[in-house]
Amino acid sequence: MSSQRQFANIIKKLEKSVEQAISKTALKNVGVFARDLVVKRTRLGYGVKNDLEAKSRLAKLSPNYIKKRKMFDGLSSNTSPSRSNLTLTGQMLDSIISETKDRTIIIKPTGRRDDGKLNADIARYAEEGGRNRPKRIFLRISQLEFKQIVRFYRKTFGDLLRKKKVI
């Protein structure tokens, strides 16, 4: 086989691999990975104020809210009364999904809590803060998480190239 033909075959395999790498399935896997990073970080008590910045501790809970949480029977096993990690019942963080739309990954809460409130409203309430409530911004990607996501994507993309015997 001539070197031109071999090169053309490699290019075809590479183009097909690139198509697969940006396919909805590939992006879905990256989205699930990113979603898991956001949920885990938030459960550990960290948020990200702006995209691609360092993570920072979520604002502490007020003494009155800590008392309320101590009395609450439905407190999630993923938290404690004084821990600021956006987990009272755990339903809002558990509802977070990733979806792909036009080669974009969207991470967002869905559905309703047991008390009927929309999880998206609970997330917005936490992120916007209020007169006596600090902002607890968490639906962002930190610089470190971005690097982890890129590494995950490259690993997936590299695997596709190896399967096609391009590299």
N, C-alpha and C. Protein backbone atom coordinates (compact mmCIF):
# COMPACT_ATOMS: atom_id res chain seq x y z
N MET A 1 0.85 -1.18 0.00
CA MET A 1 0.00 0.00 0.00
C MET A 1 0.89 1.24 0.00
N SER A 2 0.56 2.21 -0.82
CA SER A 2 1.38 3.42 -0.91
C SER A 2 1.25 4.25 0.37
N SER A 3 2.25 5.06 0.63
CA SER A 3 2.23 5.90 1.83
C SER A 3 1.10 6.92 1.76
N GLN A 4 0.74 7.37 0.54
CA GLN A 4 -0.38 8.31 0.40
C GLN A 4 -1.69 7.64 0.83
N ARG A 5 -1.89 6.41 0.41
CA ARG A 5 -3.11 5.69 0.75
C ARG A 5 -3.15 5.42 2.26
N GLN A 6 -2.01 5.04 2.83
CA GLN A 6 -1.95 4.81 4.27
C GLN A 6 -2.29 6.10 5.02
N PHE A 7 -1.73 7.21 4.57
CA PHE A 7 -1.99 8.50 5.20
C PHE A 7 -3.48 8.85 5.08
N ALA A 8 -4.07 8.62 3.92
CA ALA A 8 -5.50 8.90 3.71
C ALA A 8 -6.35 8.05 4.66
N ASN A 9 -5.98 6.79 4.85
CA ASN A 9 -6.71 5.92 5.78
C ASN A 9 -6.59 6.43 7.22
N ILE A 10 -5.39 6.88 7.58
CA ILE A 10 -5.19 7.43 8.92
C ILE A 10 -6.06 8.67 9.12
N ILE A 11 -6.10 9.54 8.13
CA ILE A 11 -6.93 10.76 8.21
C ILE A 11 -8.40 10.39 8.36
N LYS A 12 -8.88 9.42 7.58
CA LYS A 12 -10.29 8.99 7.70
C LYS A 12 -10.58 8.46 9.10
N LYS A 13 -9.68 7.63 9.62
CA LYS A 13 -9.86 7.10 10.98
C LYS A 13 -9.85 8.23 12.00
N LEU A 14 -8.95 9.18 11.81
CA LEU A 14 -8.86 10.31 12.73
C LEU A 14 -10.14 11.14 12.69
N GLU A 15 -10.66 11.43 11.50
CA GLU A 15 -11.90 12.20 11.37
C GLU A 15 -13.06 11.49 12.04
N LYS A 16 -13.15 10.18 11.85
CA LYS A 16 -14.23 9.41 12.48
C LYS A 16 -14.08 9.43 14.00
N SER A 17 -12.85 9.32 14.48
CA SER A 17 -12.60 9.36 15.92
C SER A 17 -12.96 10.71 16.51
N VAL A 18 -12.64 11.78 15.79
CA VAL A 18 -12.99 13.13 16.26
C VAL A 18 -14.50 13.27 16.32
N GLU A 19 -15.21 12.78 15.31
CA GLU A 19 -16.68 12.80 15.33
C GLU A 19 -17.21 12.07 16.56
N GLN A 20 -16.64 10.90 16.83
CA GLN A 20 -17.08 10.14 18.00
C GLN A 20 -16.75 10.87 19.29
N ALA A 21 -15.61 11.55 19.32
CA ALA A 21 -15.17 12.24 20.54
C ALA A 21 -16.09 13.39 20.89
N ILE A 22 -16.72 14.00 19.90
CA ILE A 22 -17.64 15.10 20.19
C ILE A 22 -19.10 14.67 20.02
N SER A 23 -19.31 13.39 19.96
CA SER A 23 -20.68 12.88 19.84
C SER A 23 -21.43 13.12 21.14
N LYS A 24 -22.72 12.99 21.07
CA LYS A 24 -23.57 13.19 22.24
C LYS A 24 -23.20 12.20 23.35
N THR A 25 -22.88 10.98 22.98
CA THR A 25 -22.50 9.97 23.98
C THR A 25 -21.21 10.36 24.69
N ALA A 26 -20.21 10.81 23.93
CA ALA A 26 -18.94 11.22 24.55
C ALA A 26 -19.16 12.42 25.45
N LEU A 27 -19.92 13.41 24.98
CA LEU A 27 -20.19 14.59 25.80
C LEU A 27 -21.01 14.22 27.03
N LYS A 28 -21.91 13.25 26.90
CA LYS A 28 -22.70 12.81 28.04
C LYS A 28 -21.79 12.25 29.12
N ASN A 29 -20.81 11.44 28.73
CA ASN A 29 -19.87 10.88 29.70
C ASN A 29 -19.07 11.98 30.39
N VAL A 30 -18.65 12.98 29.63
CA VAL A 30 -17.91 14.11 30.21
C VAL A 30 -18.84 14.88 31.16
N GLY A 31 -20.10 15.06 30.77
CA GLY A 31 -21.07 15.76 31.60
C GLY A 31 -21.32 15.06 32.92
N VAL A 32 -21.45 13.75 32.89
CA VAL A 32 -21.65 12.98 34.13
C VAL A 32 -20.43 13.13 35.03
N PHE A 33 -19.24 13.08 34.45
CA PHE A 33 -18.01 13.26 35.21
C PHE A 33 -17.99 14.65 35.87
N ALA A 34 -18.33 15.69 35.10
CA ALA A 34 -18.35 17.06 35.62
C ALA A 34 -19.40 17.21 36.72
N ARG A 35 -20.58 16.64 36.50
CA ARG A 35 -21.65 16.69 37.50
C ARG A 35 -21.19 16.06 38.81
N ASP A 36 -20.54 14.91 38.72
CA ASP A 36 -20.06 14.23 39.92
C ASP A 36 -19.04 15.08 40.68
N LEU A 37 -18.18 15.78 39.95
CA LEU A 37 -17.20 16.67 40.59
C LEU A 37 -17.90 17.79 41.36
N VAL A 38 -18.90 18.41 40.74
CA VAL A 38 -19.63 19.52 41.36
C VAL A 38 -20.35 19.05 42.62
N VAL A 39 -21.05 17.93 42.53
CA VAL A 39 -21.81 17.41 43.68
C VAL A 39 -20.86 17.04 44.81
N LYS A 40 -19.78 16.34 44.50
CA LYS A 40 -18.83 15.93 45.54
C LYS A 40 -18.21 17.14 46.23
N ARG A 41 -17.77 18.13 45.44
CA ARG A 41 -17.16 19.32 46.02
C ARG A 41 -18.15 20.04 46.93
N THR A 42 -19.40 20.16 46.49
CA THR A 42 -20.40 20.86 47.27
C THR A 42 -20.69 20.11 48.57
N ARG A 43 -20.80 18.79 48.49
CA ARG A 43 -21.03 18.00 49.71
C ARG A 43 -19.88 18.13 50.70
N LEU A 44 -18.69 18.40 50.19
CA LEU A 44 -17.53 18.60 51.06
C LEU A 44 -17.49 20.02 51.64
N GLY A 45 -18.44 20.88 51.21
CA GLY A 45 -18.55 22.21 51.78
C GLY A 45 -17.84 23.31 51.01
N TYR A 46 -17.61 23.09 49.72
CA TYR A 46 -16.92 24.09 48.90
C TYR A 46 -17.79 24.55 47.75
N GLY A 47 -17.60 25.79 47.35
CA GLY A 47 -18.26 26.35 46.19
C GLY A 47 -17.22 26.98 45.28
N VAL A 48 -17.69 27.56 44.19
CA VAL A 48 -16.82 28.27 43.25
C VAL A 48 -17.56 29.55 42.88
N LYS A 49 -16.97 30.70 43.23
CA LYS A 49 -17.66 31.97 43.00
C LYS A 49 -17.75 32.33 41.53
N ASN A 50 -16.70 32.07 40.77
CA ASN A 50 -16.69 32.36 39.33
C ASN A 50 -16.07 31.18 38.60
N ASP A 51 -16.54 30.94 37.38
CA ASP A 51 -15.98 29.85 36.59
C ASP A 51 -14.47 29.94 36.50
N LEU A 52 -13.83 28.79 36.62
CA LEU A 52 -12.38 28.62 36.47
C LEU A 52 -11.56 29.34 37.54
N GLU A 53 -12.18 29.65 38.68
CA GLU A 53 -11.44 30.16 39.83
C GLU A 53 -11.23 29.02 40.80
N ALA A 54 -10.49 29.29 41.85
CA ALA A 54 -10.25 28.27 42.87
C ALA A 54 -11.53 28.06 43.69
N LYS A 55 -11.67 26.85 44.21
CA LYS A 55 -12.81 26.59 45.09
C LYS A 55 -12.58 27.32 46.40
N SER A 56 -13.67 27.60 47.11
CA SER A 56 -13.57 28.24 48.42
C SER A 56 -14.67 27.67 49.31
N ARG A 57 -14.45 27.75 50.60
CA ARG A 57 -15.45 27.24 51.55
C ARG A 57 -16.76 27.98 51.37
N LEU A 58 -17.85 27.24 51.48
CA LEU A 58 -19.17 27.88 51.49
C LEU A 58 -19.30 28.65 52.79
N ALA A 59 -20.07 29.73 52.77
CA ALA A 59 -20.27 30.56 53.96
C ALA A 59 -20.82 29.72 55.11
N LYS A 60 -20.39 30.05 56.32
CA LYS A 60 -20.85 29.31 57.50
C LYS A 60 -22.35 29.53 57.70
N LEU A 61 -22.96 28.57 58.37
CA LEU A 61 -24.38 28.66 58.69
C LEU A 61 -24.56 29.56 59.91
N SER A 62 -25.70 30.23 59.98
CA SER A 62 -25.98 31.10 61.13
C SER A 62 -26.31 30.23 62.34
N PRO A 63 -26.07 30.74 63.55
CA PRO A 63 -26.40 29.97 64.76
C PRO A 63 -27.87 29.55 64.82
N ASN A 64 -28.77 30.44 64.39
CA ASN A 64 -30.20 30.11 64.39
C ASN A 64 -30.52 28.97 63.43
N TYR A 65 -29.89 28.97 62.26
CA TYR A 65 -30.13 27.91 61.29
C TYR A 65 -29.54 26.58 61.77
N ILE A 66 -28.43 26.64 62.46
CA ILE A 66 -27.84 25.42 63.03
C ILE A 66 -28.81 24.81 64.05
N LYS A 67 -29.42 25.65 64.88
CA LYS A 67 -30.41 25.16 65.86
C LYS A 67 -31.59 24.51 65.13
N LYS A 68 -32.06 25.15 64.07
CA LYS A 68 -33.17 24.61 63.29
C LYS A 68 -32.80 23.24 62.71
N ARG A 69 -31.58 23.11 62.19
CA ARG A 69 -31.13 21.85 61.61
C ARG A 69 -31.01 20.76 62.68
N LYS A 70 -30.62 21.13 63.88
CA LYS A 70 -30.51 20.14 64.97
C LYS A 70 -31.88 19.55 65.30
N MET A 71 -32.92 20.34 65.14
CA MET A 71 -34.28 19.90 65.46
C MET A 71 -34.95 19.18 64.27
N PHE A 72 -34.36 19.28 63.10
CA PHE A 72 -34.96 18.74 61.88
C PHE A 72 -34.75 17.22 61.82
N ASP A 73 -35.85 16.48 61.68
CA ASP A 73 -35.79 15.01 61.65
C ASP A 73 -35.26 14.45 60.34
N GLY A 74 -35.42 15.18 59.25
CA GLY A 74 -35.06 14.65 57.94
C GLY A 74 -33.66 15.04 57.47
N LEU A 75 -32.78 15.40 58.40
CA LEU A 75 -31.43 15.82 58.02
C LEU A 75 -30.70 14.69 57.29
N SER A 76 -30.10 15.03 56.17
CA SER A 76 -29.40 14.04 55.35
C SER A 76 -28.23 13.42 56.12
N SER A 77 -27.95 12.16 55.81
CA SER A 77 -26.80 11.49 56.43
C SER A 77 -25.48 12.01 55.86
N ASN A 78 -25.54 12.83 54.80
CA ASN A 78 -24.34 13.40 54.18
C ASN A 78 -23.92 14.72 54.80
N THR A 79 -24.50 15.07 55.95
CA THR A 79 -24.18 16.35 56.56
C THR A 79 -24.31 16.26 58.08
N SER A 80 -24.08 17.38 58.73
CA SER A 80 -24.31 17.52 60.17
C SER A 80 -25.01 18.86 60.37
N PRO A 81 -25.59 19.10 61.54
CA PRO A 81 -26.33 20.36 61.73
C PRO A 81 -25.52 21.63 61.47
N SER A 82 -24.22 21.60 61.75
CA SER A 82 -23.43 22.83 61.59
C SER A 82 -22.63 22.89 60.29
N ARG A 83 -22.73 21.88 59.47
CA ARG A 83 -21.93 21.82 58.24
C ARG A 83 -22.62 22.56 57.09
N SER A 84 -21.92 23.51 56.51
CA SER A 84 -22.44 24.27 55.37
C SER A 84 -22.04 23.56 54.09
N ASN A 85 -22.96 22.74 53.57
CA ASN A 85 -22.69 22.02 52.32
C ASN A 85 -23.93 21.87 51.44
N LEU A 86 -24.89 22.77 51.63
CA LEU A 86 -26.13 22.79 50.83
C LEU A 86 -26.86 21.46 50.87
N THR A 87 -26.78 20.79 52.01
CA THR A 87 -27.41 19.49 52.15
C THR A 87 -28.25 19.47 53.42
N LEU A 88 -29.49 19.89 53.32
CA LEU A 88 -30.41 19.71 54.44
C LEU A 88 -31.02 18.32 54.31
N THR A 89 -31.71 18.09 53.21
CA THR A 89 -32.30 16.77 52.97
C THR A 89 -31.47 15.97 51.97
N GLY A 90 -30.65 16.65 51.20
CA GLY A 90 -29.85 15.99 50.17
C GLY A 90 -30.56 15.91 48.82
N GLN A 91 -31.83 16.29 48.78
CA GLN A 91 -32.62 16.12 47.56
C GLN A 91 -32.17 17.04 46.43
N MET A 92 -31.78 18.27 46.75
CA MET A 92 -31.38 19.20 45.69
C MET A 92 -30.10 18.72 45.01
N LEU A 93 -29.08 18.36 45.79
CA LEU A 93 -27.84 17.88 45.19
C LEU A 93 -28.05 16.55 44.47
N ASP A 94 -28.89 15.69 45.04
CA ASP A 94 -29.17 14.40 44.38
C ASP A 94 -29.89 14.58 43.05
N SER A 95 -30.60 15.70 42.89
CA SER A 95 -31.37 15.93 41.66
C SER A 95 -30.53 16.49 40.52
N ILE A 96 -29.30 16.86 40.80
CA ILE A 96 -28.48 17.51 39.77
C ILE A 96 -28.15 16.51 38.66
N ILE A 97 -28.36 16.97 37.43
CA ILE A 97 -28.09 16.15 36.25
C ILE A 97 -27.17 16.92 35.31
N SER A 98 -26.65 16.21 34.34
CA SER A 98 -25.95 16.89 33.25
C SER A 98 -26.68 16.51 31.97
N GLU A 99 -26.85 17.48 31.10
CA GLU A 99 -27.45 17.20 29.80
C GLU A 99 -26.64 17.90 28.73
N THR A 100 -26.67 17.33 27.54
CA THR A 100 -25.93 17.93 26.43
C THR A 100 -26.91 18.55 25.46
N LYS A 101 -26.52 19.72 24.98
CA LYS A 101 -27.36 20.44 24.03
C LYS A 101 -26.43 21.21 23.10
N ASP A 102 -26.45 20.89 21.83
CA ASP A 102 -25.62 21.58 20.84
C ASP A 102 -24.15 21.64 21.26
N ARG A 103 -23.58 20.51 21.57
CA ARG A 103 -22.17 20.39 21.97
C ARG A 103 -21.83 21.18 23.23
N THR A 104 -22.85 21.43 24.06
CA THR A 104 -22.68 22.12 25.33
C THR A 104 -23.17 21.21 26.44
N ILE A 105 -22.47 21.23 27.55
CA ILE A 105 -22.88 20.45 28.72
C ILE A 105 -23.51 21.39 29.72
N ILE A 106 -24.70 21.05 30.18
CA ILE A 106 -25.43 21.86 31.16
C ILE A 106 -25.59 21.02 32.42
N ILE A 107 -25.19 21.59 33.55
CA ILE A 107 -25.33 20.92 34.84
C ILE A 107 -26.36 21.72 35.62
N LYS A 108 -27.43 21.02 36.05
CA LYS A 108 -28.53 21.75 36.70
C LYS A 108 -29.34 20.81 37.59
N PRO A 109 -29.99 21.39 38.62
CA PRO A 109 -30.91 20.60 39.43
C PRO A 109 -32.25 20.44 38.71
N THR A 110 -32.92 19.34 38.98
CA THR A 110 -34.21 19.06 38.34
C THR A 110 -35.21 18.59 39.38
N GLY A 111 -36.46 18.57 39.00
CA GLY A 111 -37.50 17.96 39.82
C GLY A 111 -37.88 18.77 41.05
N ARG A 112 -38.65 18.11 41.90
CA ARG A 112 -39.16 18.72 43.13
C ARG A 112 -38.69 17.96 44.36
N ARG A 113 -38.58 18.69 45.44
CA ARG A 113 -38.29 18.04 46.72
C ARG A 113 -39.57 17.42 47.26
N ASP A 114 -39.44 16.67 48.33
CA ASP A 114 -40.62 16.05 48.94
C ASP A 114 -41.63 17.08 49.43
N ASP A 115 -41.15 18.30 49.78
CA ASP A 115 -42.07 19.34 50.25
C ASP A 115 -42.72 20.11 49.09
N GLY A 116 -42.44 19.71 47.85
CA GLY A 116 -43.05 20.32 46.68
C GLY A 116 -42.26 21.45 46.05
N LYS A 117 -41.24 21.94 46.73
CA LYS A 117 -40.44 23.04 46.17
C LYS A 117 -39.56 22.52 45.04
N LEU A 118 -39.36 23.37 44.02
CA LEU A 118 -38.50 23.00 42.90
C LEU A 118 -37.04 23.04 43.33
N ASN A 119 -36.30 22.00 42.98
CA ASN A 119 -34.88 21.97 43.31
C ASN A 119 -34.13 23.12 42.65
N ALA A 120 -34.54 23.53 41.46
CA ALA A 120 -33.91 24.67 40.79
C ALA A 120 -34.11 25.95 41.60
N ASP A 121 -35.28 26.10 42.23
CA ASP A 121 -35.54 27.28 43.07
C ASP A 121 -34.67 27.25 44.32
N ILE A 122 -34.48 26.07 44.90
CA ILE A 122 -33.64 25.93 46.09
C ILE A 122 -32.20 26.30 45.73
N ALA A 123 -31.72 25.84 44.59
CA ALA A 123 -30.36 26.16 44.15
C ALA A 123 -30.21 27.66 43.91
N ARG A 124 -31.19 28.26 43.26
CA ARG A 124 -31.15 29.70 42.98
C ARG A 124 -31.15 30.49 44.29
N TYR A 125 -31.98 30.07 45.25
CA TYR A 125 -32.06 30.71 46.57
C TYR A 125 -30.69 30.68 47.25
N ALA A 126 -30.01 29.55 47.17
CA ALA A 126 -28.68 29.41 47.79
C ALA A 126 -27.66 30.29 47.08
N GLU A 127 -27.70 30.31 45.76
CA GLU A 127 -26.69 31.05 45.00
C GLU A 127 -26.90 32.57 45.05
N GLU A 128 -28.14 33.02 45.09
CA GLU A 128 -28.41 34.46 45.08
C GLU A 128 -28.21 35.10 46.44
N GLY A 129 -28.38 34.34 47.52
CA GLY A 129 -28.28 34.93 48.84
C GLY A 129 -29.43 35.89 49.09
N GLY A 130 -29.27 36.72 50.08
CA GLY A 130 -30.32 37.67 50.42
C GLY A 130 -29.79 38.69 51.41
N ARG A 131 -30.70 39.45 51.99
CA ARG A 131 -30.29 40.50 52.92
C ARG A 131 -29.46 39.96 54.07
N ASN A 132 -29.90 38.88 54.66
CA ASN A 132 -29.18 38.28 55.79
C ASN A 132 -28.60 36.92 55.45
N ARG A 133 -28.57 36.58 54.18
CA ARG A 133 -28.05 35.28 53.75
C ARG A 133 -26.90 35.47 52.78
N PRO A 134 -25.75 34.88 53.06
CA PRO A 134 -24.64 34.99 52.11
C PRO A 134 -24.90 34.14 50.87
N LYS A 135 -24.27 34.53 49.78
CA LYS A 135 -24.35 33.74 48.56
C LYS A 135 -23.55 32.46 48.76
N ARG A 136 -24.12 31.35 48.31
CA ARG A 136 -23.41 30.06 48.32
C ARG A 136 -23.41 29.53 46.89
N ILE A 137 -22.45 30.01 46.12
CA ILE A 137 -22.40 29.71 44.69
C ILE A 137 -21.66 28.39 44.49
N PHE A 138 -22.32 27.45 43.83
CA PHE A 138 -21.75 26.11 43.71
C PHE A 138 -21.86 25.50 42.32
N LEU A 139 -22.75 25.99 41.48
CA LEU A 139 -22.95 25.41 40.15
C LEU A 139 -22.00 26.02 39.12
N ARG A 140 -20.73 26.00 39.47
CA ARG A 140 -19.66 26.49 38.61
C ARG A 140 -18.56 25.43 38.58
N ILE A 141 -17.64 25.56 37.66
CA ILE A 141 -16.51 24.64 37.56
C ILE A 141 -15.25 25.39 37.98
N SER A 142 -14.50 24.82 38.93
CA SER A 142 -13.25 25.44 39.37
C SER A 142 -12.15 25.18 38.34
N GLN A 143 -11.04 25.88 38.52
CA GLN A 143 -9.91 25.69 37.62
C GLN A 143 -9.39 24.26 37.70
N LEU A 144 -9.27 23.73 38.92
CA LEU A 144 -8.80 22.36 39.10
C LEU A 144 -9.77 21.35 38.48
N GLU A 145 -11.07 21.57 38.68
CA GLU A 145 -12.07 20.67 38.09
C GLU A 145 -12.01 20.72 36.57
N PHE A 146 -11.80 21.91 36.02
CA PHE A 146 -11.68 22.04 34.56
C PHE A 146 -10.52 21.19 34.06
N LYS A 147 -9.40 21.24 34.76
CA LYS A 147 -8.24 20.43 34.37
C LYS A 147 -8.56 18.95 34.46
N GLN A 148 -9.31 18.55 35.50
CA GLN A 148 -9.71 17.14 35.65
C GLN A 148 -10.63 16.72 34.50
N ILE A 149 -11.54 17.60 34.12
CA ILE A 149 -12.47 17.30 33.03
C ILE A 149 -11.71 17.18 31.71
N VAL A 150 -10.77 18.09 31.48
CA VAL A 150 -9.96 18.03 30.25
C VAL A 150 -9.16 16.73 30.22
N ARG A 151 -8.58 16.36 31.36
CA ARG A 151 -7.81 15.11 31.44
C ARG A 151 -8.71 13.91 31.13
N PHE A 152 -9.92 13.91 31.71
CA PHE A 152 -10.88 12.83 31.46
C PHE A 152 -11.23 12.78 29.96
N TYR A 153 -11.48 13.95 29.37
CA TYR A 153 -11.83 14.02 27.95
C TYR A 153 -10.68 13.51 27.08
N ARG A 154 -9.47 13.95 27.41
CA ARG A 154 -8.30 13.51 26.63
C ARG A 154 -8.10 12.01 26.73
N LYS A 155 -8.34 11.48 27.93
CA LYS A 155 -8.20 10.03 28.11
C LYS A 155 -9.23 9.31 27.23
N THR A 156 -10.47 9.79 27.25
CA THR A 156 -11.52 9.20 26.43
C THR A 156 -11.19 9.34 24.95
N PHE A 157 -10.76 10.53 24.55
CA PHE A 157 -10.42 10.79 23.16
C PHE A 157 -9.23 9.94 22.74
N GLY A 158 -8.21 9.86 23.59
CA GLY A 158 -7.05 9.02 23.30
C GLY A 158 -7.44 7.56 23.14
N ASP A 159 -8.37 7.09 23.98
CA ASP A 159 -8.85 5.71 23.87
C ASP A 159 -9.51 5.47 22.51
N LEU A 160 -10.28 6.46 22.04
CA LEU A 160 -10.92 6.32 20.73
C LEU A 160 -9.87 6.21 19.63
N LEU A 161 -8.83 7.02 19.72
CA LEU A 161 -7.77 6.97 18.71
C LEU A 161 -7.05 5.64 18.74
N ARG A 162 -6.81 5.11 19.93
CA ARG A 162 -6.13 3.81 20.03
C ARG A 162 -7.02 2.69 19.47
N LYS A 163 -8.33 2.77 19.73
CA LYS A 163 -9.24 1.75 19.20
C LYS A 163 -9.23 1.74 17.68
N LYS A 164 -9.10 2.91 17.09
CA LYS A 164 -9.08 3.02 15.63
C LYS A 164 -7.67 2.78 15.08
N LYS A 165 -6.73 2.51 15.98
CA LYS A 165 -5.33 2.27 15.61
C LYS A 165 -4.74 3.44 14.82
N VAL A 166 -5.12 4.66 15.27
CA VAL A 166 -4.57 5.86 14.66
C VAL A 166 -3.26 6.22 15.36
N ILE A 167 -3.22 5.97 16.68
CA ILE A 167 -1.98 6.25 17.42
C ILE A 167 -1.46 4.97 18.04
